[in-house]
C-alpha atoms as a PDB file:
ATOM      1  CA  UNK A   1     131.206  73.764  93.744  1.00  0.00           C
ATOM      2  CA  UNK A   2     131.695  76.781  91.747  1.00  0.00           C
ATOM      3  CA  UNK A   3     130.972  80.222  93.346  1.00  0.00           C
ATOM      4  CA  UNK A   4     127.525  81.222  92.914  1.00  0.00           C
ATOM      5  CA  UNK A   5     126.197  77.844  92.062  1.00  0.00           C
ATOM      6  CA  UNK A   6     123.587  77.582  94.903  1.00  0.00           C
ATOM      7  CA  UNK A   7     122.263  81.136  93.832  1.00  0.00           C
ATOM      8  CA  UNK A   8     121.943  79.916  90.143  1.00  0.00           C
ATOM      9  CA  UNK A   9     120.116  76.563  91.239  1.00  0.00           C
ATOM     10  CA  UNK A  10     117.815  78.500  93.465  1.00  0.00           C
ATOM     11  CA  UNK A  11     116.813  81.249  91.085  1.00  0.00           C
ATOM     12  CA  UNK A  12     116.455  78.632  88.182  1.00  0.00           C
ATOM     13  CA  UNK A  13     114.266  76.212  90.334  1.00  0.00           C
ATOM     14  CA  UNK A  14     111.965  79.213  91.499  1.00  0.00           C
ATOM     15  CA  UNK A  15     111.470  80.897  87.875  1.00  0.00           C
ATOM     16  CA  UNK A  16     111.015  77.393  86.334  1.00  0.00           C
ATOM     17  CA  UNK A  17     108.266  76.715  88.993  1.00  0.00           C
ATOM     18  CA  UNK A  18     106.380  79.937  87.988  1.00  0.00           C
ATOM     19  CA  UNK A  19     106.555  80.215  84.157  1.00  0.00           C
ATOM     20  CA  UNK A  20     104.438  78.229  81.564  1.00  0.00           C
ATOM     21  CA  UNK A  21     107.525  77.333  79.484  1.00  0.00           C
ATOM     22  CA  UNK A  22     110.090  76.115  81.988  1.00  0.00           C
ATOM     23  CA  UNK A  23     112.415  74.761  79.143  1.00  0.00           C
ATOM     24  CA  UNK A  24     112.795  78.509  77.908  1.00  0.00           C
ATOM     25  CA  UNK A  25     114.236  79.780  81.278  1.00  0.00           C
ATOM     26  CA  UNK A  26     117.844  80.737  81.060  1.00  0.00           C
ATOM     27  CA  UNK A  27     119.811  81.888  84.234  1.00  0.00           C
ATOM     28  CA  UNK A  28     123.341  83.304  83.522  1.00  0.00           C
ATOM     29  CA  UNK A  29     125.571  84.188  86.468  1.00  0.00           C
ATOM     30  CA  UNK A  30     127.750  87.403  85.849  1.00  0.00           C
ATOM     31  CA  UNK A  31     130.634  88.175  88.250  1.00  0.00           C
ATOM     32  CA  UNK A  32     130.286  91.820  89.483  1.00  0.00           C
ATOM     33  CA  UNK A  33     133.223  91.780  91.719  1.00  0.00           C
ATOM     34  CA  UNK A  34     135.304  89.400  94.086  1.00  0.00           C
ATOM     35  CA  UNK A  35     132.383  88.413  96.200  1.00  0.00           C
ATOM     36  CA  UNK A  36     129.444  89.755  94.147  1.00  0.00           C
ATOM     37  CA  UNK A  37     127.297  87.935  91.599  1.00  0.00           C
ATOM     38  CA  UNK A  38     124.186  88.832  89.557  1.00  0.00           C
ATOM     39  CA  UNK A  39     121.879  86.243  88.133  1.00  0.00           C
ATOM     40  CA  UNK A  40     120.520  87.317  84.780  1.00  0.00           C
ATOM     41  CA  UNK A  41     117.171  85.766  84.043  1.00  0.00           C
ATOM     42  CA  UNK A  42     115.595  85.313  80.624  1.00  0.00           C
ATOM     43  CA  UNK A  43     112.317  83.598  79.911  1.00  0.00           C
ATOM     44  CA  UNK A  44     109.939  83.066  76.974  1.00  0.00           C
ATOM     45  CA  UNK A  45     108.153  86.162  75.891  1.00  0.00           C
ATOM     46  CA  UNK A  46     104.862  85.874  77.627  1.00  0.00           C
ATOM     47  CA  UNK A  47     106.380  84.530  80.885  1.00  0.00           C
ATOM     48  CA  UNK A  48     108.278  87.630  82.007  1.00  0.00           C
ATOM     49  CA  UNK A  49     105.090  89.136  83.545  1.00  0.00           C
ATOM     50  CA  UNK A  50     104.596  86.135  85.692  1.00  0.00           C
ATOM     51  CA  UNK A  51     108.027  86.217  86.837  1.00  0.00           C
ATOM     52  CA  UNK A  52     107.829  89.913  87.844  1.00  0.00           C
ATOM     53  CA  UNK A  53     104.371  89.641  89.211  1.00  0.00           C
ATOM     54  CA  UNK A  54     101.999  92.526  90.363  1.00  0.00           C
ATOM     55  CA  UNK A  55     103.933  95.605  91.539  1.00  0.00           C
ATOM     56  CA  UNK A  56     107.237  93.458  91.303  1.00  0.00           C
ATOM     57  CA  UNK A  57     106.182  91.256  94.280  1.00  0.00           C
ATOM     58  CA  UNK A  58     107.358  88.017  92.691  1.00  0.00           C
ATOM     59  CA  UNK A  59     110.529  89.478  91.422  1.00  0.00           C
ATOM     60  CA  UNK A  60     111.236  90.945  94.944  1.00  0.00           C
ATOM     61  CA  UNK A  61     110.721  87.649  96.489  1.00  0.00           C
ATOM     62  CA  UNK A  62     113.087  85.889  93.920  1.00  0.00           C
ATOM     63  CA  UNK A  63     115.699  88.567  94.798  1.00  0.00           C
ATOM     64  CA  UNK A  64     115.324  87.771  98.526  1.00  0.00           C
ATOM     65  CA  UNK A  65     115.728  84.056  97.949  1.00  0.00           C
ATOM     66  CA  UNK A  66     118.756  84.737  95.815  1.00  0.00           C
ATOM     67  CA  UNK A  67     120.281  87.003  98.384  1.00  0.00           C
ATOM     68  CA  UNK A  68     119.899  84.413 101.064  1.00  0.00           C
ATOM     69  CA  UNK A  69     121.302  81.766  98.851  1.00  0.00           C
ATOM     70  CA  UNK A  70     124.285  84.216  98.334  1.00  0.00           C
ATOM     71  CA  UNK A  71     124.861  84.545 102.018  1.00  0.00           C
ATOM     72  CA  UNK A  72     125.023  80.754 102.309  1.00  0.00           C
ATOM     73  CA  UNK A  73     127.948  80.957  99.921  1.00  0.00           C
ATOM     74  CA  UNK A  74     129.390  84.081 101.525  1.00  0.00           C
ATOM     75  CA  UNK A  75     128.706  86.308  98.488  1.00  0.00           C
ATOM     76  CA  UNK A  76     126.371  89.081  97.550  1.00  0.00           C
ATOM     77  CA  UNK A  77     123.889  87.992  94.925  1.00  0.00           C
ATOM     78  CA  UNK A  78     121.368  90.041  92.925  1.00  0.00           C
ATOM     79  CA  UNK A  79     118.972  89.181  90.126  1.00  0.00           C
ATOM     80  CA  UNK A  80     118.280  91.074  86.922  1.00  0.00           C
ATOM     81  CA  UNK A  81     115.276  90.142  84.779  1.00  0.00           C
ATOM     82  CA  UNK A  82     116.219  90.612  81.105  1.00  0.00           C
ATOM     83  CA  UNK A  83     113.555  90.973  78.292  1.00  0.00           C
END
């Protein structure tokens, strides 16, 4: 299993569950350092608001889940939402 694969799967699953167009969801892992990954999330135009949520609550929850998944793999994981 590639490093960060659990993080990628978790983030992809959560985001696809929230949006109206799950086929448009794209999660790309970017290595920031030896034990550090960032999952870049792209969605269809109208879905980004759903993913971020009111006052960023949903985004914060997704970041927490990614962080926990990263800990499971022994890496530090973050999430960036890209328009």
